[in-house]
N, C-alpha and C. Protein backbone atom coordinates (compact mmCIF):
# COMPACT_ATOMS: atom_id res chain seq x y z
N MET A 1 18.21 20.28 -11.69
CA MET A 1 17.08 20.11 -10.80
C MET A 1 15.85 19.76 -11.63
N MET A 2 15.03 18.85 -11.13
CA MET A 2 13.85 18.42 -11.86
C MET A 2 12.78 19.50 -11.82
N ARG A 3 12.00 19.53 -12.87
CA ARG A 3 10.88 20.46 -12.93
C ARG A 3 9.74 19.91 -12.07
N PRO A 4 9.13 20.73 -11.20
CA PRO A 4 8.03 20.24 -10.38
C PRO A 4 6.85 19.79 -11.23
N LEU A 5 6.16 18.77 -10.76
CA LEU A 5 4.97 18.29 -11.45
C LEU A 5 3.79 19.20 -11.14
N ALA A 6 2.84 19.23 -12.05
CA ALA A 6 1.61 19.96 -11.79
C ALA A 6 0.87 19.24 -10.66
N ALA A 7 0.10 20.00 -9.91
CA ALA A 7 -0.67 19.39 -8.82
C ALA A 7 -1.66 18.39 -9.38
N LYS A 8 -1.80 17.27 -8.68
CA LYS A 8 -2.73 16.26 -9.15
C LYS A 8 -4.14 16.62 -8.70
N PRO A 9 -5.14 16.23 -9.49
CA PRO A 9 -6.51 16.51 -9.07
C PRO A 9 -6.83 15.83 -7.75
N LYS A 10 -7.74 16.42 -6.97
CA LYS A 10 -8.08 15.91 -5.65
C LYS A 10 -8.56 14.46 -5.68
N ASN A 11 -9.26 14.07 -6.75
CA ASN A 11 -9.80 12.72 -6.83
C ASN A 11 -8.93 11.79 -7.67
N PHE A 12 -7.66 12.13 -7.84
CA PHE A 12 -6.74 11.35 -8.66
C PHE A 12 -6.49 9.99 -8.03
N LEU A 13 -6.57 8.93 -8.82
CA LEU A 13 -6.28 7.59 -8.36
C LEU A 13 -4.98 7.11 -8.98
N VAL A 14 -4.22 6.31 -8.26
CA VAL A 14 -2.98 5.76 -8.76
C VAL A 14 -3.13 4.25 -8.85
N PRO A 15 -3.81 3.75 -9.87
CA PRO A 15 -3.93 2.30 -9.97
C PRO A 15 -2.58 1.70 -10.34
N LEU A 16 -2.19 0.68 -9.63
CA LEU A 16 -0.86 0.13 -9.83
C LEU A 16 -0.85 -1.35 -9.53
N ILE A 17 -0.17 -2.09 -10.34
CA ILE A 17 0.04 -3.50 -10.07
C ILE A 17 1.48 -3.64 -9.57
N SER A 18 1.63 -4.26 -8.43
CA SER A 18 2.95 -4.46 -7.87
C SER A 18 3.75 -5.40 -8.77
N SER A 19 5.05 -5.20 -8.80
CA SER A 19 5.88 -6.10 -9.59
C SER A 19 5.97 -7.48 -8.93
N THR A 20 5.58 -7.55 -7.68
CA THR A 20 5.48 -8.83 -7.00
C THR A 20 4.01 -9.13 -6.84
N SER A 21 3.58 -10.30 -7.26
CA SER A 21 2.15 -10.60 -7.19
C SER A 21 1.71 -10.67 -5.74
N PRO A 22 0.44 -10.29 -5.47
CA PRO A 22 -0.06 -10.34 -4.09
C PRO A 22 0.08 -11.71 -3.47
N LYS A 23 -0.10 -12.80 -4.25
CA LYS A 23 0.02 -14.14 -3.67
C LYS A 23 1.44 -14.40 -3.18
N GLN A 24 2.45 -13.91 -3.90
CA GLN A 24 3.83 -14.11 -3.47
C GLN A 24 4.09 -13.38 -2.16
N LEU A 25 3.42 -12.24 -1.97
CA LEU A 25 3.68 -11.44 -0.79
C LEU A 25 3.12 -12.06 0.48
N ILE A 26 2.08 -12.89 0.35
CA ILE A 26 1.40 -13.32 1.55
C ILE A 26 1.32 -14.83 1.71
N THR A 27 2.01 -15.60 0.90
CA THR A 27 2.01 -17.03 1.10
C THR A 27 3.24 -17.40 1.92
N PRO A 28 3.19 -18.36 2.82
CA PRO A 28 1.99 -19.10 3.19
C PRO A 28 1.00 -18.20 3.94
N LEU A 29 -0.28 -18.60 3.92
CA LEU A 29 -1.32 -17.79 4.54
C LEU A 29 -1.06 -17.63 6.03
N MET A 30 -1.32 -16.44 6.50
CA MET A 30 -1.17 -16.14 7.92
C MET A 30 -2.53 -16.32 8.58
N ALA A 31 -2.53 -16.61 9.86
CA ALA A 31 -3.77 -16.72 10.61
C ALA A 31 -3.96 -15.45 11.43
N PHE A 32 -5.19 -14.95 11.44
CA PHE A 32 -5.49 -13.71 12.16
C PHE A 32 -6.68 -13.92 13.08
N ASN A 33 -6.75 -13.06 14.09
CA ASN A 33 -7.85 -13.08 15.05
C ASN A 33 -8.55 -11.74 15.05
N ALA A 34 -9.78 -11.72 15.54
CA ALA A 34 -10.52 -10.46 15.66
C ALA A 34 -9.68 -9.45 16.43
N GLY A 35 -9.63 -8.23 15.90
CA GLY A 35 -8.85 -7.16 16.53
C GLY A 35 -7.46 -6.98 15.98
N ASP A 36 -6.96 -7.95 15.20
CA ASP A 36 -5.62 -7.83 14.63
C ASP A 36 -5.58 -6.73 13.58
N SER A 37 -4.52 -5.93 13.62
CA SER A 37 -4.28 -4.93 12.57
C SER A 37 -3.66 -5.64 11.38
N ILE A 38 -4.17 -5.33 10.20
CA ILE A 38 -3.68 -5.99 8.98
C ILE A 38 -3.66 -4.98 7.84
N GLU A 39 -3.17 -5.43 6.70
CA GLU A 39 -3.31 -4.69 5.44
C GLU A 39 -4.01 -5.61 4.45
N VAL A 40 -4.89 -5.03 3.67
CA VAL A 40 -5.60 -5.78 2.63
C VAL A 40 -5.00 -5.39 1.30
N CYS A 41 -4.55 -6.38 0.55
CA CYS A 41 -4.00 -6.16 -0.79
C CYS A 41 -5.16 -6.29 -1.77
N SER A 42 -5.57 -5.17 -2.32
CA SER A 42 -6.75 -5.16 -3.18
C SER A 42 -6.51 -5.92 -4.48
N LYS A 43 -7.55 -6.66 -4.89
CA LYS A 43 -7.53 -7.36 -6.17
C LYS A 43 -8.53 -6.73 -7.14
N GLU A 44 -9.13 -5.61 -6.72
CA GLU A 44 -10.11 -4.95 -7.57
C GLU A 44 -9.41 -4.21 -8.70
N GLU A 45 -10.04 -4.22 -9.87
CA GLU A 45 -9.50 -3.51 -11.01
C GLU A 45 -9.34 -2.04 -10.65
N GLY A 46 -8.20 -1.49 -11.02
CA GLY A 46 -7.90 -0.10 -10.70
C GLY A 46 -7.22 0.07 -9.36
N PHE A 47 -7.24 -0.96 -8.53
CA PHE A 47 -6.61 -0.88 -7.21
C PHE A 47 -5.65 -2.04 -6.97
N LEU A 48 -5.47 -2.90 -7.95
CA LEU A 48 -4.65 -4.09 -7.80
C LEU A 48 -3.25 -3.71 -7.34
N GLY A 49 -2.81 -4.36 -6.28
CA GLY A 49 -1.46 -4.11 -5.77
C GLY A 49 -1.39 -3.01 -4.73
N SER A 50 -2.51 -2.37 -4.40
CA SER A 50 -2.50 -1.35 -3.35
C SER A 50 -2.84 -2.01 -2.02
N TYR A 51 -2.39 -1.39 -0.94
CA TYR A 51 -2.57 -1.95 0.39
C TYR A 51 -3.34 -0.97 1.26
N TYR A 52 -4.37 -1.47 1.96
CA TYR A 52 -5.20 -0.64 2.81
C TYR A 52 -5.18 -1.17 4.23
N GLU A 53 -4.98 -0.27 5.18
CA GLU A 53 -4.93 -0.65 6.59
C GLU A 53 -6.33 -0.99 7.08
N ALA A 54 -6.44 -2.06 7.86
CA ALA A 54 -7.73 -2.50 8.36
C ALA A 54 -7.54 -3.28 9.66
N ILE A 55 -8.67 -3.66 10.25
CA ILE A 55 -8.69 -4.48 11.45
C ILE A 55 -9.58 -5.68 11.16
N ILE A 56 -9.16 -6.85 11.64
CA ILE A 56 -9.98 -8.05 11.49
C ILE A 56 -11.18 -7.93 12.44
N VAL A 57 -12.38 -8.10 11.88
CA VAL A 57 -13.59 -8.09 12.69
C VAL A 57 -13.98 -9.53 13.03
N ALA A 58 -13.89 -10.42 12.04
CA ALA A 58 -14.26 -11.83 12.26
C ALA A 58 -13.64 -12.69 11.18
N LYS A 59 -13.50 -13.98 11.50
CA LYS A 59 -13.02 -14.95 10.51
C LYS A 59 -14.20 -15.80 10.06
N ILE A 60 -14.30 -16.02 8.74
CA ILE A 60 -15.31 -16.92 8.19
C ILE A 60 -14.57 -18.20 7.82
N THR A 61 -14.58 -19.15 8.72
CA THR A 61 -13.76 -20.35 8.59
C THR A 61 -14.11 -21.18 7.37
N ARG A 62 -15.39 -21.36 7.10
CA ARG A 62 -15.79 -22.27 6.01
C ARG A 62 -15.31 -21.80 4.64
N ASN A 63 -15.10 -20.51 4.45
CA ASN A 63 -14.68 -19.98 3.15
C ASN A 63 -13.25 -19.45 3.16
N ASN A 64 -12.57 -19.57 4.30
CA ASN A 64 -11.23 -19.02 4.43
C ASN A 64 -11.22 -17.53 4.07
N GLN A 65 -12.13 -16.80 4.72
CA GLN A 65 -12.28 -15.36 4.50
C GLN A 65 -12.31 -14.64 5.83
N TYR A 66 -12.18 -13.31 5.74
CA TYR A 66 -12.26 -12.46 6.92
C TYR A 66 -13.22 -11.31 6.66
N VAL A 67 -13.88 -10.87 7.73
CA VAL A 67 -14.60 -9.60 7.69
C VAL A 67 -13.61 -8.58 8.22
N VAL A 68 -13.38 -7.52 7.45
CA VAL A 68 -12.42 -6.49 7.86
C VAL A 68 -13.12 -5.13 7.92
N GLU A 69 -12.57 -4.27 8.75
CA GLU A 69 -13.03 -2.88 8.82
C GLU A 69 -11.82 -2.00 8.52
N TYR A 70 -11.95 -1.21 7.46
CA TYR A 70 -10.83 -0.38 7.02
C TYR A 70 -10.65 0.82 7.94
N LYS A 71 -9.39 1.23 8.11
CA LYS A 71 -9.07 2.38 8.94
C LYS A 71 -9.24 3.69 8.17
N THR A 72 -9.07 3.63 6.83
CA THR A 72 -9.09 4.88 6.05
C THR A 72 -10.20 4.94 5.01
N LEU A 73 -10.93 3.85 4.82
CA LEU A 73 -12.01 3.83 3.83
C LEU A 73 -13.35 3.85 4.55
N VAL A 74 -14.32 4.56 3.97
CA VAL A 74 -15.64 4.67 4.59
C VAL A 74 -16.72 4.20 3.63
N GLU A 75 -17.91 3.92 4.20
CA GLU A 75 -19.07 3.55 3.40
C GLU A 75 -19.40 4.68 2.42
N ASP A 76 -20.10 4.35 1.35
CA ASP A 76 -20.46 5.35 0.34
C ASP A 76 -21.17 6.57 0.94
N ASP A 77 -22.00 6.34 1.96
CA ASP A 77 -22.74 7.46 2.56
C ASP A 77 -21.94 8.17 3.66
N LEU A 78 -20.68 7.78 3.82
CA LEU A 78 -19.74 8.36 4.79
C LEU A 78 -20.17 8.16 6.24
N SER A 79 -21.11 7.22 6.50
CA SER A 79 -21.67 7.04 7.82
C SER A 79 -20.79 6.23 8.77
N ALA A 80 -19.91 5.41 8.22
CA ALA A 80 -19.12 4.51 9.07
C ALA A 80 -17.92 3.99 8.28
N PRO A 81 -16.93 3.43 9.01
CA PRO A 81 -15.82 2.80 8.29
C PRO A 81 -16.34 1.67 7.41
N LEU A 82 -15.71 1.49 6.26
CA LEU A 82 -16.10 0.44 5.33
C LEU A 82 -15.76 -0.92 5.91
N ARG A 83 -16.74 -1.83 5.86
CA ARG A 83 -16.53 -3.23 6.23
C ARG A 83 -16.80 -4.07 5.00
N GLU A 84 -15.96 -5.10 4.81
CA GLU A 84 -16.21 -6.02 3.71
C GLU A 84 -15.58 -7.37 4.01
N VAL A 85 -15.99 -8.35 3.23
CA VAL A 85 -15.44 -9.70 3.34
C VAL A 85 -14.33 -9.82 2.30
N VAL A 86 -13.17 -10.30 2.75
CA VAL A 86 -12.03 -10.47 1.84
C VAL A 86 -11.47 -11.88 1.99
N ALA A 87 -10.88 -12.38 0.93
CA ALA A 87 -10.25 -13.70 0.96
C ALA A 87 -8.98 -13.65 1.82
N ALA A 88 -8.68 -14.77 2.44
CA ALA A 88 -7.49 -14.85 3.31
C ALA A 88 -6.21 -14.51 2.56
N ASP A 89 -6.15 -14.81 1.25
CA ASP A 89 -4.92 -14.52 0.51
C ASP A 89 -4.77 -13.04 0.14
N GLU A 90 -5.73 -12.21 0.56
CA GLU A 90 -5.62 -10.76 0.36
C GLU A 90 -5.18 -10.04 1.63
N VAL A 91 -4.94 -10.79 2.69
CA VAL A 91 -4.66 -10.20 4.00
C VAL A 91 -3.23 -10.51 4.41
N ARG A 92 -2.57 -9.51 4.95
CA ARG A 92 -1.21 -9.70 5.47
C ARG A 92 -1.02 -8.80 6.69
N ARG A 93 -0.04 -9.15 7.50
CA ARG A 93 0.33 -8.26 8.61
C ARG A 93 0.91 -6.99 8.01
N PRO A 94 0.76 -5.86 8.70
CA PRO A 94 1.45 -4.66 8.21
C PRO A 94 2.96 -4.87 8.32
N PRO A 95 3.71 -4.33 7.38
CA PRO A 95 5.17 -4.46 7.53
C PRO A 95 5.62 -3.75 8.79
N PRO A 96 6.70 -4.20 9.38
CA PRO A 96 7.19 -3.54 10.60
C PRO A 96 7.54 -2.08 10.31
N HIS A 97 7.32 -1.25 11.32
CA HIS A 97 7.67 0.17 11.17
C HIS A 97 9.18 0.29 11.24
N GLU A 98 9.75 0.62 10.12
CA GLU A 98 11.19 0.83 10.06
C GLU A 98 11.46 2.32 10.25
N ARG A 99 12.58 2.65 10.82
CA ARG A 99 12.97 4.05 10.90
C ARG A 99 13.12 4.55 9.48
N PRO A 100 12.46 5.65 9.15
CA PRO A 100 12.58 6.15 7.77
C PRO A 100 14.04 6.48 7.45
N PRO A 101 14.44 6.20 6.24
CA PRO A 101 15.83 6.55 5.89
C PRO A 101 16.01 8.06 5.93
N LEU A 102 17.25 8.48 6.11
CA LEU A 102 17.53 9.91 6.09
C LEU A 102 17.17 10.51 4.73
N ARG A 103 17.32 9.69 3.71
CA ARG A 103 16.89 10.10 2.37
C ARG A 103 16.65 8.86 1.54
N PHE A 104 15.86 9.05 0.49
CA PHE A 104 15.62 7.98 -0.47
C PHE A 104 16.53 8.19 -1.66
N PHE A 105 16.79 7.13 -2.39
CA PHE A 105 17.65 7.22 -3.57
C PHE A 105 16.88 6.78 -4.80
N CYS A 106 17.30 7.29 -5.95
CA CYS A 106 16.67 6.87 -7.20
C CYS A 106 16.78 5.35 -7.31
N GLY A 107 15.69 4.73 -7.66
CA GLY A 107 15.64 3.28 -7.78
C GLY A 107 15.10 2.58 -6.55
N ASP A 108 15.01 3.29 -5.40
CA ASP A 108 14.43 2.67 -4.21
C ASP A 108 12.98 2.30 -4.48
N ARG A 109 12.61 1.09 -4.10
CA ARG A 109 11.20 0.68 -4.18
C ARG A 109 10.53 1.16 -2.91
N VAL A 110 9.46 1.91 -3.07
CA VAL A 110 8.77 2.50 -1.93
C VAL A 110 7.27 2.26 -2.01
N ASP A 111 6.61 2.45 -0.89
CA ASP A 111 5.16 2.53 -0.85
C ASP A 111 4.83 4.00 -0.61
N ALA A 112 3.96 4.55 -1.44
CA ALA A 112 3.53 5.94 -1.30
C ALA A 112 2.10 5.94 -0.78
N PHE A 113 1.85 6.71 0.28
CA PHE A 113 0.50 6.78 0.83
C PHE A 113 -0.29 7.81 0.04
N ASP A 114 -1.33 7.34 -0.65
CA ASP A 114 -2.15 8.20 -1.50
C ASP A 114 -3.53 7.57 -1.63
N ASN A 115 -4.54 8.39 -1.71
CA ASN A 115 -5.90 7.89 -1.87
C ASN A 115 -6.24 6.82 -0.83
N ASP A 116 -5.84 7.07 0.41
CA ASP A 116 -6.18 6.24 1.56
C ASP A 116 -5.50 4.88 1.60
N GLY A 117 -4.49 4.66 0.77
CA GLY A 117 -3.80 3.38 0.77
C GLY A 117 -2.35 3.54 0.38
N TRP A 118 -1.62 2.44 0.45
CA TRP A 118 -0.20 2.40 0.09
C TRP A 118 -0.07 1.83 -1.31
N TRP A 119 0.69 2.52 -2.18
CA TRP A 119 0.87 2.13 -3.58
C TRP A 119 2.35 1.91 -3.84
N VAL A 120 2.71 0.80 -4.47
CA VAL A 120 4.10 0.46 -4.71
C VAL A 120 4.62 1.21 -5.94
N GLY A 121 5.76 1.87 -5.78
CA GLY A 121 6.39 2.59 -6.89
C GLY A 121 7.89 2.63 -6.70
N THR A 122 8.54 3.41 -7.55
CA THR A 122 9.99 3.52 -7.53
C THR A 122 10.39 4.99 -7.49
N VAL A 123 11.31 5.33 -6.58
CA VAL A 123 11.80 6.71 -6.52
C VAL A 123 12.52 7.02 -7.82
N SER A 124 12.11 8.11 -8.47
CA SER A 124 12.69 8.47 -9.76
C SER A 124 13.43 9.80 -9.73
N GLY A 125 13.34 10.54 -8.62
CA GLY A 125 14.04 11.81 -8.53
C GLY A 125 13.67 12.55 -7.26
N MET A 126 14.26 13.75 -7.12
CA MET A 126 14.00 14.56 -5.93
C MET A 126 13.96 16.02 -6.32
N ASN A 127 13.09 16.78 -5.69
CA ASN A 127 13.08 18.23 -5.84
C ASN A 127 13.67 18.81 -4.56
N VAL A 128 14.92 19.23 -4.63
CA VAL A 128 15.63 19.70 -3.45
C VAL A 128 14.95 20.92 -2.85
N ASP A 129 14.48 21.84 -3.68
CA ASP A 129 13.84 23.06 -3.18
C ASP A 129 12.59 22.77 -2.36
N GLU A 130 11.80 21.80 -2.78
CA GLU A 130 10.55 21.48 -2.10
C GLU A 130 10.69 20.34 -1.10
N GLY A 131 11.82 19.64 -1.14
CA GLY A 131 12.03 18.51 -0.24
C GLY A 131 11.10 17.34 -0.54
N THR A 132 10.76 17.18 -1.80
CA THR A 132 9.87 16.08 -2.19
C THR A 132 10.61 15.09 -3.07
N TYR A 133 10.06 13.87 -3.12
CA TYR A 133 10.60 12.82 -3.97
C TYR A 133 9.58 12.49 -5.04
N TYR A 134 10.07 12.23 -6.23
CA TYR A 134 9.21 11.79 -7.32
C TYR A 134 9.15 10.27 -7.28
N VAL A 135 7.94 9.75 -7.35
CA VAL A 135 7.74 8.30 -7.37
C VAL A 135 7.08 7.95 -8.69
N TYR A 136 7.67 6.99 -9.37
CA TYR A 136 7.18 6.55 -10.68
C TYR A 136 6.41 5.25 -10.52
N PHE A 137 5.20 5.24 -11.10
CA PHE A 137 4.34 4.05 -11.09
C PHE A 137 4.36 3.50 -12.51
N LYS A 138 5.15 2.45 -12.71
CA LYS A 138 5.49 1.93 -14.03
C LYS A 138 4.30 1.56 -14.90
N LEU A 139 3.35 0.85 -14.33
CA LEU A 139 2.24 0.35 -15.12
C LEU A 139 1.48 1.48 -15.84
N PHE A 140 1.32 2.60 -15.16
CA PHE A 140 0.55 3.69 -15.73
C PHE A 140 1.40 4.86 -16.19
N MET A 141 2.71 4.68 -16.12
CA MET A 141 3.64 5.72 -16.56
C MET A 141 3.28 7.07 -15.94
N VAL A 142 3.07 7.04 -14.62
CA VAL A 142 2.72 8.23 -13.86
C VAL A 142 3.83 8.51 -12.86
N GLU A 143 4.22 9.76 -12.76
CA GLU A 143 5.20 10.18 -11.77
C GLU A 143 4.56 11.25 -10.90
N ILE A 144 4.63 11.07 -9.58
CA ILE A 144 3.98 11.99 -8.65
C ILE A 144 4.99 12.37 -7.56
N ALA A 145 4.96 13.63 -7.14
CA ALA A 145 5.84 14.10 -6.08
C ALA A 145 5.19 13.86 -4.72
N TYR A 146 6.00 13.36 -3.76
CA TYR A 146 5.52 13.08 -2.41
C TYR A 146 6.49 13.64 -1.38
N HIS A 147 5.95 14.12 -0.29
CA HIS A 147 6.76 14.49 0.87
C HIS A 147 7.26 13.18 1.49
N PRO A 148 8.48 13.17 2.04
CA PRO A 148 9.02 11.93 2.60
C PRO A 148 8.14 11.27 3.65
N ARG A 149 7.34 12.04 4.38
CA ARG A 149 6.48 11.42 5.42
C ARG A 149 5.36 10.58 4.81
N LYS A 150 5.14 10.68 3.49
CA LYS A 150 4.13 9.88 2.79
C LYS A 150 4.76 8.64 2.14
N LEU A 151 6.04 8.39 2.43
CA LEU A 151 6.75 7.27 1.82
C LEU A 151 7.30 6.32 2.88
N ARG A 152 7.37 5.08 2.51
CA ARG A 152 8.05 4.08 3.33
C ARG A 152 8.77 3.14 2.36
N LEU A 153 9.88 2.56 2.80
CA LEU A 153 10.55 1.57 1.97
C LEU A 153 9.62 0.38 1.81
N HIS A 154 9.51 -0.14 0.58
CA HIS A 154 8.63 -1.28 0.34
C HIS A 154 9.25 -2.53 0.93
N GLN A 155 8.43 -3.33 1.60
CA GLN A 155 8.89 -4.58 2.18
C GLN A 155 8.03 -5.72 1.65
N ASP A 156 8.66 -6.85 1.39
CA ASP A 156 7.97 -8.04 0.92
C ASP A 156 7.94 -9.08 2.02
N TRP A 157 6.83 -9.82 2.08
CA TRP A 157 6.70 -10.96 2.98
C TRP A 157 7.14 -12.18 2.20
N ASN A 158 8.22 -12.81 2.62
CA ASN A 158 8.74 -13.94 1.88
C ASN A 158 9.26 -14.99 2.86
N LYS A 159 8.74 -16.19 2.73
CA LYS A 159 9.19 -17.32 3.56
C LYS A 159 9.11 -17.00 5.05
N GLY A 160 8.02 -16.35 5.44
CA GLY A 160 7.76 -16.12 6.85
C GLY A 160 8.44 -14.93 7.47
N LYS A 161 9.05 -14.05 6.67
CA LYS A 161 9.65 -12.86 7.27
C LYS A 161 9.62 -11.70 6.30
N TRP A 162 9.74 -10.50 6.85
CA TRP A 162 9.74 -9.27 6.05
C TRP A 162 11.16 -8.96 5.58
N SER A 163 11.28 -8.45 4.36
CA SER A 163 12.57 -7.97 3.88
C SER A 163 12.34 -6.75 3.01
N VAL A 164 13.27 -5.80 3.10
CA VAL A 164 13.18 -4.59 2.29
C VAL A 164 13.47 -4.97 0.85
N SER A 165 12.61 -4.48 -0.06
CA SER A 165 12.80 -4.78 -1.48
C SER A 165 14.06 -4.13 -1.99
N SER A 166 14.69 -4.80 -2.93
CA SER A 166 15.90 -4.20 -3.53
C SER A 166 15.57 -3.62 -4.87
């Protein structure tokens, strides 16, 4: 049985670069309308490859950009949901809700919900006593334990359709 990890600090960030580049995940570009639910693939340092749930507020046609309002991120003063302008190649439809597997297996590519977004990692083990899965984030050599309800199988957008990563 694996040894449990120490609890992570409350403000712990999991910066991760997906093994699939964001452009590969979302090309060809999708068209969105105000009110559409989407995910934004961050290109900011420290957040590259993470996905944040948002809603399209408006399209800026001349620059091929969107104004988005995040569902889980707020303004610095905590007064309102965070709104920002993002490039069209950072926006994708949310992957379809798949029935969660009865269990995950070592090597499964998953998205772990942490720090208000989804982070791509690989299942590296399980703690049977606690019912948690260890997810390894390769770029930063970090392994974190997650309850299964915080995990989803990672899906890639490729050639116009979603597929579960192998």
